[in-house]
Structures are given as structure tokens and as C-alpha cells.
Amino acid sequence: MVALFAVVGGKARAAADDFTPSVIMETTEKVAGYFLSHYPDVGADSYVDGKRRNSRIWTRGVFYEGLMNAYREQSKEEWLRYAVDWGEFHEWYSCTDSQKRHADFQCCGQTYLQLYQLDPSQPQRMAHIKMRIDDMMATQKIDDWYWIDAIQMAMPIFAQLGTITGNAAYWERMYQMYQFTRNQHGGTRQGGGLPLFNETTGLWYRDYQYDPPYRDLTETDKDCYWSRGNGWVYMALARVMQFTAADEAHRADYAADFRRMSEALLRCQRADGSWNVSLAAPTNYGQAGSEGPEMTGTSLFVGGMAYGVRSGLLDADTYLPAIRRGWQAMLHAVHPDDGFVGYLQGTGAKPEDGGVITYDSHPNFEDFGFGCWLWGAAEAHALAVQMEQEAAGVTMARPDAQPAAVRKYLHRGRVVIKRNGVSYRLTGQKTNEPTD
């Protein structure tokens, strides 16, 4: 077994090659356990630096995305109960009339819909978020996602609703909104008609304010590509492809952007396996005093690459070394005594936002950072399981290799059949969505 070395809290330590299902899940349980023990009241507001946020705002919604991704890999009852309790506390309510088109307030709907898919006898779980999206669908407006974070906060909801209802109109509107953000929301003003996605570099500007001539503040000859902003898009593309049928009309476009981003992200990875807060500027660590690694972006990139290799979108020989290095960075960011995750950038919109980023620093609103970590770890776990089973001679079909009507493949050692967007074990028991 190859010995690797990583810097943790300023100290070098040797570590085995720990990209195994058991190590990944053991660490995932520790990280989830930290959060659940420190935030036992699912309804309590977050209150940081004079800002009070309701516990269904996007920061908490992202945490539950990560938790549900982990639940897909290991069905721990306490994780499911924590998510259901959260939905029940909020009465499955998504956003007020004044917020109804705003992606940050819709984000909670992703978990509501996953919980509905686990138990379709509970229609109230999807009713409110579906109503909000249907209200949007009743208009011709497609320019709501004017900052790239919004792609992650809301786009997967359209993907889920299309699968749940069998109505491809959700997928078509999702595509139109994505394309407007991609191609039209940049320039000198919001909706200025220029792309936010730079096809040449394969990376995204966070919003029109960071389009050129804006430059990185540390390396002023470089464009500014914020790590987590790009992570949001990368995560969203993976989730959209997971949540929709293999024959969804625009899948090839999403896959092409996913591959372009993957190639760019591969070039940006640090030697220690992590990614900087600023992707094109290797000396920009964020606020003064930051130590270099940053885990919200890193976790989303590792998770996205793991999904890409597992689904056959990305070449394993090319990307698996980066995934392994990235997992080592994620692993070494976790405090071994209690499961706290270090190197998390707090809320913001650019590399310099969110406070000093160190192994011991606590960000504001750490819930979404833990969610990013859990989401990436779950995708890494799924890939490690696939690799372990294939090494043992078990043939596994790629998640997207079969027609949408019926997909049958081994999932964590069990045969799963997918019909009309719902997954079943051979025993007839519904299983978690998505199965890939």
C-alpha cells in the first residue's frame, strides 16, 4: 500500500491510500455526526454576525442535499429522521410570495422532493415546491438565475419534477433557464447578453460583476473564477443528469459542459489534492492568513468527478488519480477527534469573501460547507463501491447505460430496477432516488 503524506493543521502526517468504501463511509458518519450533534434542533434559526437565517434557507438546504446523498449510500435511520423532522417542522413550505422565484429559497425543495420519492404516500412533501415551480412555468420569464450559484439551488428541482410527474416540460424550461444564464447573463450589467460560461477556459464567472475586465485581486493578469461558484454548477450538472432520464432531450449539452469543466478543473488542482478559492490564480488563497486548501469547492469537484467516472462520462485513467488526491484532501480536512471539517470558506461571492480559511477556522453558516463535503464524499463512496465490486468480478452497468423506462443494475450489491423514475429492489421495496 502506497504511503501518502498530507499537511494537517501545519503538521505532516503519513496516511494510507484510504480510497475505500469503509474509510469513506466511516469518515462520512463522523462528519454527519458532528453536525447532527451540534445542531439538534432542526427548526432553530442560524444567527451569525448579526444575520439571522431561517433553517430552510439555501445554506441548510445544501446540508440536506449532502445528507440525503450520504443516505443513498448508507440508509441510516437517524439521517432520514433528521431530514423528515426538518421538512415537517417547516410544514414542507418552501418560500414566501415575495421570494417565490428566488433560487436560494427554493433550494430546500430538492430534499423535500427526494423525501417524497422515498414515500409517495406523503404528497404534502412536494405540493408547495411544485406549486412555486408551476407558477414560474406559467410565465415566459427565463432570466431568474442571474448568478451561477442559482443553477445549483434550483435547477435540480426542475429535473426532479420532470421525473416525478413524467412531464418533460419541466426539463425544457430548465434547459431554457440554464442556457440563458450560460449565454446571456454576463456583460456590463445583469442580463447584458454575454456568456457567464467561458467555453475556452471551461470555467464560469460568478455573475456579470466578475466578467472581464474584472480580474483576480492577487494575480491581476488572470480572470476571476471563484472555486465554489464553479462547484455549484458542476454539482448541479451531475445532479441533473442523475435525476433525469438517460434520453432527456438536452443531456448531451449538459454532458458536454460537464466534460469541459472537468478538463479545466483537472488543470487547476493543487499538488495536495485540494483546490484554491480562485481557480486560475494559484497564489490567491482568499483573505490574508488563509492556508491554501478550500473544501467547499474541493468537495464538489471530487464528487462531480467521481460521478463522472462512475457513469462513464469521464475517463477513469485520467480522472481517478485526481479523485484519489482530492479525497485525501477531504479526508485530512476532517478533525479526527470530532468530525469537524476545516478549510471551509464562509458565505460570499468571490475568492476573498467568507473569512480566513484554515484547518481550525469556523466559517459563518457552516451548514452548507458540511453539505458540500457530505455530497462529495457520498459520490466518492459510490465510486469506491463500484471499483471494489468490479475488482471482485461483479459486473456493474453504468448508471446511465440503459433506457430510462427500465434500468437494471447492481447497486451496493442489490439488483435495482427503475420504472418511470421510481427505483425498486427485486423484493418490490422502493429504494432511494437517485440509485446512481
Protein backbone atom coordinates (compact mmCIF):
# COMPACT_ATOMS: atom_id res chain seq x y z
CA MET A 1 0.00 0.00 0.00
CA VAL A 2 1.40 3.37 -1.02
CA ALA A 3 2.10 5.81 1.80
CA LEU A 4 0.91 9.35 1.20
CA PHE A 5 1.70 12.49 3.12
CA ALA A 6 -0.60 15.40 3.78
CA VAL A 7 -0.33 18.60 5.77
CA VAL A 8 -2.94 18.80 8.50
CA GLY A 9 -3.05 21.85 10.72
CA GLY A 10 0.51 22.68 9.67
CA LYS A 11 1.86 19.22 10.52
CA ALA A 12 2.79 16.49 8.06
CA ARG A 13 1.32 13.07 8.70
CA ALA A 14 1.56 9.79 6.82
CA ALA A 15 -1.63 8.17 5.60
CA ALA A 16 -2.54 5.02 3.75
CA ASP A 17 -4.32 5.12 0.42
CA ASP A 18 -7.76 5.43 2.02
CA PHE A 19 -10.00 5.48 -1.03
CA THR A 20 -12.09 2.54 0.16
CA PRO A 21 -15.83 2.29 0.90
CA SER A 22 -15.21 1.56 4.57
CA VAL A 23 -12.90 4.53 5.18
CA ILE A 24 -15.07 6.92 3.19
CA MET A 25 -18.25 5.89 4.99
CA GLU A 26 -16.61 5.87 8.42
CA THR A 27 -15.46 9.46 7.85
CA THR A 28 -18.84 10.43 6.42
CA GLU A 29 -20.56 9.15 9.55
CA LYS A 30 -18.18 11.17 11.69
CA VAL A 31 -18.82 14.40 9.74
CA ALA A 32 -22.59 13.92 9.74
CA GLY A 33 -22.46 13.04 13.42
CA TYR A 34 -20.68 16.29 14.22
CA PHE A 35 -23.38 18.33 12.52
CA LEU A 36 -26.35 16.47 13.97
CA SER A 37 -24.93 16.70 17.48
CA HIS A 38 -24.16 20.42 17.20
CA TYR A 39 -27.48 21.31 15.53
CA PRO A 40 -30.03 19.04 17.21
CA ASP A 41 -32.92 21.48 16.72
CA VAL A 42 -33.85 21.27 13.02
CA GLY A 43 -36.01 24.38 13.30
CA ALA A 44 -33.58 26.73 15.02
CA ASP A 45 -32.56 29.83 13.06
CA SER A 46 -28.92 30.39 12.21
CA TYR A 47 -27.64 33.61 13.75
CA VAL A 48 -24.14 34.73 12.77
CA ASP A 49 -22.54 38.20 12.75
CA GLY A 50 -25.89 39.91 13.18
CA LYS A 51 -27.52 37.92 10.38
CA ARG A 52 -30.44 35.66 11.21
CA ARG A 53 -31.43 33.00 8.71
CA ASN A 54 -34.35 30.62 8.75
CA SER A 55 -33.30 26.98 8.78
CA ARG A 56 -34.85 26.30 5.39
CA ILE A 57 -32.67 28.88 3.59
CA TRP A 58 -30.17 27.65 0.98
CA THR A 59 -27.32 27.11 3.44
CA ARG A 60 -29.34 24.48 5.29
CA GLY A 61 -30.86 23.14 2.09
CA VAL A 62 -27.38 22.31 0.80
CA PHE A 63 -26.61 20.46 4.01
CA TYR A 64 -29.62 18.22 3.47
CA GLU A 65 -28.61 17.63 -0.15
CA GLY A 66 -25.35 16.25 1.19
CA LEU A 67 -27.03 14.26 3.94
CA MET A 68 -29.51 12.67 1.53
CA ASN A 69 -26.67 11.78 -0.84
CA ALA A 70 -24.96 10.05 2.07
CA TYR A 71 -28.26 8.35 2.97
CA ARG A 72 -28.40 6.96 -0.55
CA GLU A 73 -25.13 5.18 0.20
CA GLN A 74 -25.99 4.04 3.73
CA SER A 75 -29.58 4.07 4.93
CA LYS A 76 -29.07 5.31 8.47
CA GLU A 77 -32.42 5.87 10.13
CA GLU A 78 -31.16 8.85 12.14
CA TRP A 79 -30.19 10.67 8.93
CA LEU A 80 -33.59 10.09 7.39
CA ARG A 81 -35.35 11.10 10.60
CA TYR A 82 -33.32 14.31 10.81
CA ALA A 83 -34.34 15.24 7.25
CA VAL A 84 -38.00 14.34 7.72
CA ASP A 85 -38.15 16.25 11.02
CA TRP A 86 -36.78 19.30 9.21
CA GLY A 87 -39.41 19.09 6.48
CA GLU A 88 -42.18 18.53 8.99
CA PHE A 89 -41.05 21.46 11.12
CA HIS A 90 -41.37 23.73 8.10
CA GLU A 91 -44.60 22.00 7.01
CA TRP A 92 -42.88 21.33 3.65
CA TYR A 93 -43.09 25.04 2.90
CA SER A 94 -40.50 26.41 0.50
CA CYS A 95 -40.74 30.17 0.10
CA THR A 96 -42.99 33.15 0.56
CA ASP A 97 -44.74 35.01 -2.25
CA SER A 98 -42.01 37.66 -2.27
CA GLN A 99 -39.31 35.00 -2.65
CA LYS A 100 -41.12 32.56 -4.87
CA ARG A 101 -38.84 32.88 -7.92
CA HIS A 102 -35.60 33.18 -5.97
CA ALA A 103 -33.42 30.08 -6.17
CA ASP A 104 -31.94 30.50 -2.67
CA PHE A 105 -35.38 29.99 -1.17
CA GLN A 106 -36.30 27.11 -3.46
CA CYS A 107 -33.23 25.03 -2.62
CA CYS A 108 -34.95 23.20 0.25
CA GLY A 109 -37.30 21.72 -2.33
CA GLN A 110 -34.63 19.34 -3.58
CA THR A 111 -34.70 17.43 -0.30
CA TYR A 112 -38.47 17.72 0.01
CA LEU A 113 -38.80 16.03 -3.38
CA GLN A 114 -36.31 13.31 -2.54
CA LEU A 115 -38.24 12.58 0.65
CA TYR A 116 -41.46 12.48 -1.35
CA GLN A 117 -39.88 9.97 -3.73
CA LEU A 118 -38.97 7.81 -0.76
CA ASP A 119 -42.60 7.85 0.35
CA PRO A 120 -45.09 8.94 -2.35
CA SER A 121 -47.92 8.40 0.12
CA GLN A 122 -46.90 11.82 1.53
CA PRO A 123 -47.91 14.23 -1.29
CA GLN A 124 -47.63 17.25 1.00
CA ARG A 125 -43.86 16.87 0.75
CA MET A 126 -43.87 18.00 -2.87
CA ALA A 127 -47.00 20.15 -3.02
CA HIS A 128 -45.63 23.58 -2.12
CA ILE A 129 -42.39 23.50 -4.10
CA LYS A 130 -44.26 22.11 -7.12
CA MET A 131 -46.73 24.97 -6.85
CA ARG A 132 -43.88 27.51 -6.83
CA ILE A 133 -42.23 25.96 -9.89
CA ASP A 134 -45.56 25.67 -11.67
CA ASP A 135 -46.09 29.40 -11.05
CA MET A 136 -42.78 30.05 -12.80
CA MET A 137 -43.74 27.73 -15.64
CA ALA A 138 -46.93 29.71 -16.17
CA THR A 139 -44.85 32.71 -17.30
CA GLN A 140 -42.33 33.11 -20.14
CA LYS A 141 -39.64 34.54 -17.84
CA ILE A 142 -36.36 32.58 -18.04
CA ASP A 143 -33.78 35.01 -16.62
CA ASP A 144 -34.13 34.31 -12.89
CA TRP A 145 -30.75 32.61 -12.42
CA TYR A 146 -28.54 35.67 -12.79
CA TRP A 147 -25.76 34.31 -10.55
CA ILE A 148 -24.30 30.86 -11.11
CA ASP A 149 -24.96 29.64 -7.57
CA ALA A 150 -28.65 29.67 -8.52
CA ILE A 151 -28.06 26.90 -11.04
CA GLN A 152 -27.40 24.51 -8.18
CA MET A 153 -30.02 25.90 -5.85
CA ALA A 154 -32.93 25.45 -8.27
CA MET A 155 -32.07 23.60 -11.48
CA PRO A 156 -32.20 20.07 -9.98
CA ILE A 157 -35.75 20.77 -8.77
CA PHE A 158 -36.94 21.05 -12.37
CA ALA A 159 -35.10 17.81 -13.15
CA GLN A 160 -36.80 16.03 -10.24
CA LEU A 161 -40.27 17.31 -11.09
CA GLY A 162 -39.93 16.16 -14.68
CA THR A 163 -39.08 12.67 -13.49
CA ILE A 164 -41.75 12.56 -10.78
CA THR A 165 -44.58 13.84 -12.97
CA GLY A 166 -43.46 12.44 -16.31
CA ASN A 167 -43.90 15.93 -17.76
CA ALA A 168 -40.86 16.83 -19.89
CA ALA A 169 -41.93 20.50 -19.91
CA TYR A 170 -40.04 20.91 -16.63
CA TRP A 171 -36.89 19.69 -18.36
CA GLU A 172 -37.42 22.03 -21.31
CA ARG A 173 -37.88 25.08 -19.06
CA MET A 174 -34.85 24.02 -17.03
CA TYR A 175 -32.78 23.96 -20.22
CA GLN A 176 -34.01 27.36 -21.35
CA MET A 177 -33.14 28.93 -18.00
CA TYR A 178 -29.73 27.24 -17.89
CA GLN A 179 -28.92 28.42 -21.41
CA PHE A 180 -29.92 32.00 -20.59
CA THR A 181 -27.61 32.03 -17.57
CA ARG A 182 -24.84 30.35 -19.54
CA ASN A 183 -25.00 32.58 -22.60
CA GLN A 184 -26.82 35.83 -21.76
CA HIS A 185 -26.36 36.91 -18.13
CA GLY A 186 -22.83 38.32 -18.45
CA GLY A 187 -21.58 41.68 -19.64
CA THR A 188 -21.59 45.10 -18.06
CA ARG A 189 -24.95 44.53 -16.42
CA GLN A 190 -27.21 41.68 -15.33
CA GLY A 191 -28.66 40.09 -18.44
CA GLY A 192 -26.22 42.07 -20.56
CA GLY A 193 -26.11 39.48 -23.32
CA LEU A 194 -22.66 37.94 -22.82
CA PRO A 195 -21.83 34.43 -21.54
CA LEU A 196 -21.05 33.62 -17.94
CA PHE A 197 -19.52 30.35 -19.16
CA ASN A 198 -16.17 30.75 -20.88
CA GLU A 199 -16.02 27.87 -23.32
CA THR A 200 -12.33 28.49 -23.95
CA THR A 201 -11.30 28.01 -20.32
CA GLY A 202 -14.17 25.69 -19.35
CA LEU A 203 -14.91 27.82 -16.27
CA TRP A 204 -17.67 30.18 -15.13
CA TYR A 205 -17.70 33.80 -13.97
CA ARG A 206 -19.81 34.06 -10.82
CA ASP A 207 -22.05 36.83 -12.23
CA TYR A 208 -21.80 39.85 -14.51
CA GLN A 209 -19.74 41.78 -11.94
CA TYR A 210 -16.87 39.29 -12.36
CA ASP A 211 -16.87 39.19 -16.14
CA PRO A 212 -13.77 40.80 -17.71
CA PRO A 213 -12.49 43.42 -17.30
CA TYR A 214 -12.73 42.29 -13.66
CA ARG A 215 -9.53 40.45 -12.68
CA ASP A 216 -8.31 38.28 -9.84
CA LEU A 217 -7.26 40.56 -6.98
CA THR A 218 -4.00 38.71 -6.29
CA GLU A 219 -2.86 37.76 -9.78
CA THR A 220 -4.18 40.72 -11.70
CA ASP A 221 -3.34 39.25 -15.11
CA LYS A 222 -5.83 36.43 -14.53
CA ASP A 223 -9.60 36.25 -14.83
CA CYS A 224 -11.53 35.58 -11.64
CA TYR A 225 -13.08 32.12 -11.46
CA TRP A 226 -14.39 31.53 -7.97
CA SER A 227 -13.99 27.94 -6.88
CA ARG A 228 -17.27 27.33 -5.08
CA GLY A 229 -19.29 29.11 -7.75
CA ASN A 230 -17.88 26.70 -10.31
CA GLY A 231 -18.50 23.90 -7.83
CA TRP A 232 -22.19 24.80 -7.67
CA VAL A 233 -22.55 24.46 -11.43
CA TYR A 234 -20.55 21.22 -11.52
CA MET A 235 -22.68 19.72 -8.75
CA ALA A 236 -25.88 20.85 -10.47
CA LEU A 237 -24.93 19.28 -13.79
CA ALA A 238 -24.18 15.98 -12.05
CA ARG A 239 -27.46 16.07 -10.14
CA VAL A 240 -29.48 16.99 -13.21
CA MET A 241 -28.04 14.02 -15.08
CA GLN A 242 -28.74 11.78 -12.09
CA PHE A 243 -32.29 12.98 -11.66
CA THR A 244 -33.37 12.83 -15.31
CA ALA A 245 -33.84 10.01 -17.79
CA ALA A 246 -30.92 8.89 -19.93
CA ASP A 247 -32.81 10.01 -23.03
CA GLU A 248 -33.63 13.52 -21.74
CA ALA A 249 -33.51 15.77 -24.81
CA HIS A 250 -30.67 18.07 -23.70
CA ARG A 251 -28.50 15.58 -21.88
CA ALA A 252 -25.71 15.79 -24.47
CA ASP A 253 -25.38 19.54 -23.87
CA TYR A 254 -25.15 19.08 -20.11
CA ALA A 255 -22.61 16.29 -20.57
CA ALA A 256 -20.52 18.43 -22.91
CA ASP A 257 -20.38 21.31 -20.40
CA PHE A 258 -19.62 18.83 -17.62
CA ARG A 259 -16.68 17.43 -19.58
CA ARG A 260 -15.36 20.91 -20.44
CA MET A 261 -15.48 21.84 -16.78
CA SER A 262 -13.82 18.57 -15.78
CA GLU A 263 -10.88 19.19 -18.09
CA ALA A 264 -10.45 22.71 -16.70
CA LEU A 265 -10.74 21.61 -13.09
CA LEU A 266 -8.17 18.90 -13.60
CA ARG A 267 -5.66 21.57 -14.61
CA CYS A 268 -6.48 23.69 -11.55
CA GLN A 269 -5.99 21.02 -8.87
CA ARG A 270 -3.28 21.72 -6.29
CA ALA A 271 -0.49 19.25 -5.61
CA ASP A 272 -2.08 18.44 -2.24
CA GLY A 273 -5.31 17.35 -3.95
CA SER A 274 -7.41 20.36 -3.00
CA TRP A 275 -8.43 23.42 -4.99
CA ASN A 276 -7.86 27.10 -4.23
CA VAL A 277 -10.65 29.60 -3.75
CA SER A 278 -9.51 31.17 -7.05
CA LEU A 279 -9.14 28.59 -9.80
CA ALA A 280 -6.95 30.48 -12.27
CA ALA A 281 -4.72 32.12 -9.66
CA PRO A 282 -2.70 29.53 -7.71
CA THR A 283 -1.29 32.12 -5.27
CA ASN A 284 -4.70 33.52 -4.26
CA TYR A 285 -5.74 31.79 -1.03
CA GLY A 286 -8.50 34.26 -0.16
CA GLN A 287 -8.32 36.53 2.86
CA ALA A 288 -4.92 37.15 4.41
CA GLY A 289 -3.97 34.34 6.77
CA SER A 290 -5.68 31.61 4.76
CA GLU A 291 -3.61 28.47 4.38
CA GLY A 292 -4.40 27.46 0.79
CA PRO A 293 -6.80 24.49 0.64
CA GLU A 294 -10.55 25.15 0.44
CA MET A 295 -13.04 22.37 0.98
CA THR A 296 -16.39 23.56 -0.36
CA GLY A 297 -15.11 23.73 -3.92
CA THR A 298 -12.82 20.74 -3.44
CA SER A 299 -15.65 18.51 -2.21
CA LEU A 300 -17.92 19.43 -5.10
CA PHE A 301 -15.16 18.82 -7.65
CA VAL A 302 -14.25 15.44 -6.16
CA GLY A 303 -17.91 14.41 -6.05
CA GLY A 304 -18.56 15.54 -9.59
CA MET A 305 -15.51 13.75 -10.96
CA ALA A 306 -16.44 10.60 -9.06
CA TYR A 307 -19.91 10.68 -10.59
CA GLY A 308 -18.38 11.32 -14.00
CA VAL A 309 -16.08 8.29 -13.82
CA ARG A 310 -18.77 6.05 -12.36
CA SER A 311 -21.28 6.98 -15.05
CA GLY A 312 -18.79 6.65 -17.91
CA LEU A 313 -18.79 10.37 -18.71
CA LEU A 314 -15.13 10.73 -17.73
CA ASP A 315 -12.13 8.54 -18.46
CA ALA A 316 -11.10 6.64 -15.33
CA ASP A 317 -7.39 6.57 -16.14
CA THR A 318 -7.38 10.35 -16.49
CA TYR A 319 -9.56 11.33 -13.55
CA LEU A 320 -9.17 8.64 -10.91
CA PRO A 321 -5.75 9.93 -9.76
CA ALA A 322 -7.27 13.39 -9.25
CA ILE A 323 -10.24 11.91 -7.37
CA ARG A 324 -7.92 9.95 -5.10
CA ARG A 325 -5.81 13.03 -4.36
CA GLY A 326 -8.95 15.07 -3.81
CA TRP A 327 -10.36 12.51 -1.41
CA GLN A 328 -7.13 12.58 0.57
CA ALA A 329 -7.51 16.36 0.86
CA MET A 330 -11.12 15.95 2.01
CA LEU A 331 -10.13 13.25 4.49
CA HIS A 332 -7.34 15.31 6.00
CA ALA A 333 -9.60 18.33 6.40
CA VAL A 334 -11.71 16.35 8.90
CA HIS A 335 -10.68 16.68 12.53
CA PRO A 336 -10.21 13.08 13.70
CA ASP A 337 -11.46 13.73 17.23
CA ASP A 338 -14.94 15.08 16.47
CA GLY A 339 -15.61 15.18 12.71
CA PHE A 340 -15.38 18.95 12.27
CA VAL A 341 -14.40 19.93 8.72
CA GLY A 342 -11.65 22.51 8.35
CA TYR A 343 -10.73 24.73 5.39
CA LEU A 344 -14.35 25.79 4.71
CA GLN A 345 -14.91 29.18 3.10
CA GLY A 346 -17.88 31.05 4.52
CA THR A 347 -20.62 32.73 2.52
CA GLY A 348 -19.72 35.15 -0.22
CA ALA A 349 -19.37 35.64 -3.96
CA LYS A 350 -15.63 35.79 -4.67
CA PRO A 351 -12.31 34.30 -3.51
CA GLU A 352 -11.68 36.97 -0.87
CA ASP A 353 -15.05 36.55 0.89
CA GLY A 354 -16.01 34.33 3.79
CA GLY A 355 -13.24 34.90 6.32
CA VAL A 356 -9.82 33.39 6.90
CA ILE A 357 -9.68 29.77 5.75
CA THR A 358 -7.58 27.44 7.91
CA TYR A 359 -7.70 23.92 9.31
CA ASP A 360 -9.12 25.27 12.58
CA SER A 361 -11.28 28.15 11.32
CA HIS A 362 -15.05 28.07 11.75
CA PRO A 363 -16.91 29.70 8.84
CA ASN A 364 -20.14 31.59 9.17
CA PHE A 365 -23.09 29.35 8.34
CA GLU A 366 -21.03 26.16 8.27
CA ASP A 367 -24.08 24.06 7.38
CA PHE A 368 -23.64 24.37 3.61
CA GLY A 369 -19.92 23.57 3.88
CA PHE A 370 -20.70 20.33 5.66
CA GLY A 371 -23.31 19.63 2.98
CA CYS A 372 -20.74 20.10 0.22
CA TRP A 373 -18.37 17.73 1.99
CA LEU A 374 -21.05 15.07 2.51
CA TRP A 375 -22.24 15.30 -1.09
CA GLY A 376 -18.73 14.84 -2.44
CA ALA A 377 -17.95 12.01 -0.02
CA ALA A 378 -21.12 10.14 -0.99
CA GLU A 379 -20.21 10.29 -4.68
CA ALA A 380 -16.68 9.14 -3.83
CA HIS A 381 -18.15 6.27 -1.82
CA ALA A 382 -20.36 5.18 -4.70
CA LEU A 383 -17.34 5.09 -7.00
CA ALA A 384 -15.25 3.19 -4.45
CA VAL A 385 -18.04 0.61 -4.09
CA GLN A 386 -18.21 0.22 -7.85
CA MET A 387 -14.45 -0.24 -8.09
CA GLU A 388 -14.45 -2.77 -5.26
CA GLN A 389 -17.24 -4.80 -6.83
CA GLU A 390 -15.67 -4.72 -10.26
CA ALA A 391 -12.35 -5.83 -8.78
CA ALA A 392 -14.22 -8.77 -7.25
CA GLY A 393 -15.56 -9.74 -10.67
CA VAL A 394 -19.05 -8.27 -10.28
CA THR A 395 -20.14 -6.59 -13.49
CA MET A 396 -21.99 -3.33 -12.96
CA ALA A 397 -23.74 -1.45 -15.71
CA ARG A 398 -23.04 2.24 -15.84
CA PRO A 399 -25.79 4.31 -14.18
CA ASP A 400 -26.80 5.86 -17.49
CA ALA A 401 -26.21 2.85 -19.75
CA GLN A 402 -29.81 1.62 -20.01
CA PRO A 403 -33.01 3.15 -21.41
CA ALA A 404 -34.96 5.30 -19.00
CA ALA A 405 -38.03 3.05 -18.86
CA VAL A 406 -36.25 0.19 -17.12
CA ARG A 407 -32.71 0.27 -15.78
CA LYS A 408 -31.44 -2.83 -14.03
CA TYR A 409 -28.06 -2.97 -12.39
CA LEU A 410 -26.27 -3.84 -9.18
CA HIS A 411 -26.45 -1.09 -6.60
CA ARG A 412 -24.46 -1.67 -3.40
CA GLY A 413 -24.79 -5.40 -4.01
CA ARG A 414 -28.51 -5.36 -4.77
CA VAL A 415 -30.24 -5.54 -8.11
CA VAL A 416 -32.32 -2.42 -8.70
CA ILE A 417 -34.99 -1.85 -11.31
CA LYS A 418 -36.06 1.64 -12.30
CA ARG A 419 -39.52 2.29 -13.72
CA ASN A 420 -40.97 5.70 -14.53
CA GLY A 421 -38.45 7.49 -12.35
CA VAL A 422 -39.02 5.27 -9.29
CA SER A 423 -36.46 2.67 -8.20
CA TYR A 424 -37.32 -0.71 -6.75
CA ARG A 425 -35.40 -3.65 -5.33
CA LEU A 426 -36.38 -7.07 -6.60
CA THR A 427 -38.29 -7.53 -3.37
CA GLY A 428 -40.60 -4.76 -4.58
CA GLN A 429 -39.39 -2.29 -1.94
CA LYS A 430 -38.88 1.27 -3.17
CA THR A 431 -35.31 2.42 -2.73
CA ASN A 432 -33.68 5.81 -2.57
CA GLU A 433 -33.67 8.11 -5.59
CA PRO A 434 -31.39 8.52 -7.43
CA THR A 435 -29.97 4.99 -7.49
CA ASP A 436 -26.93 6.09 -9.43
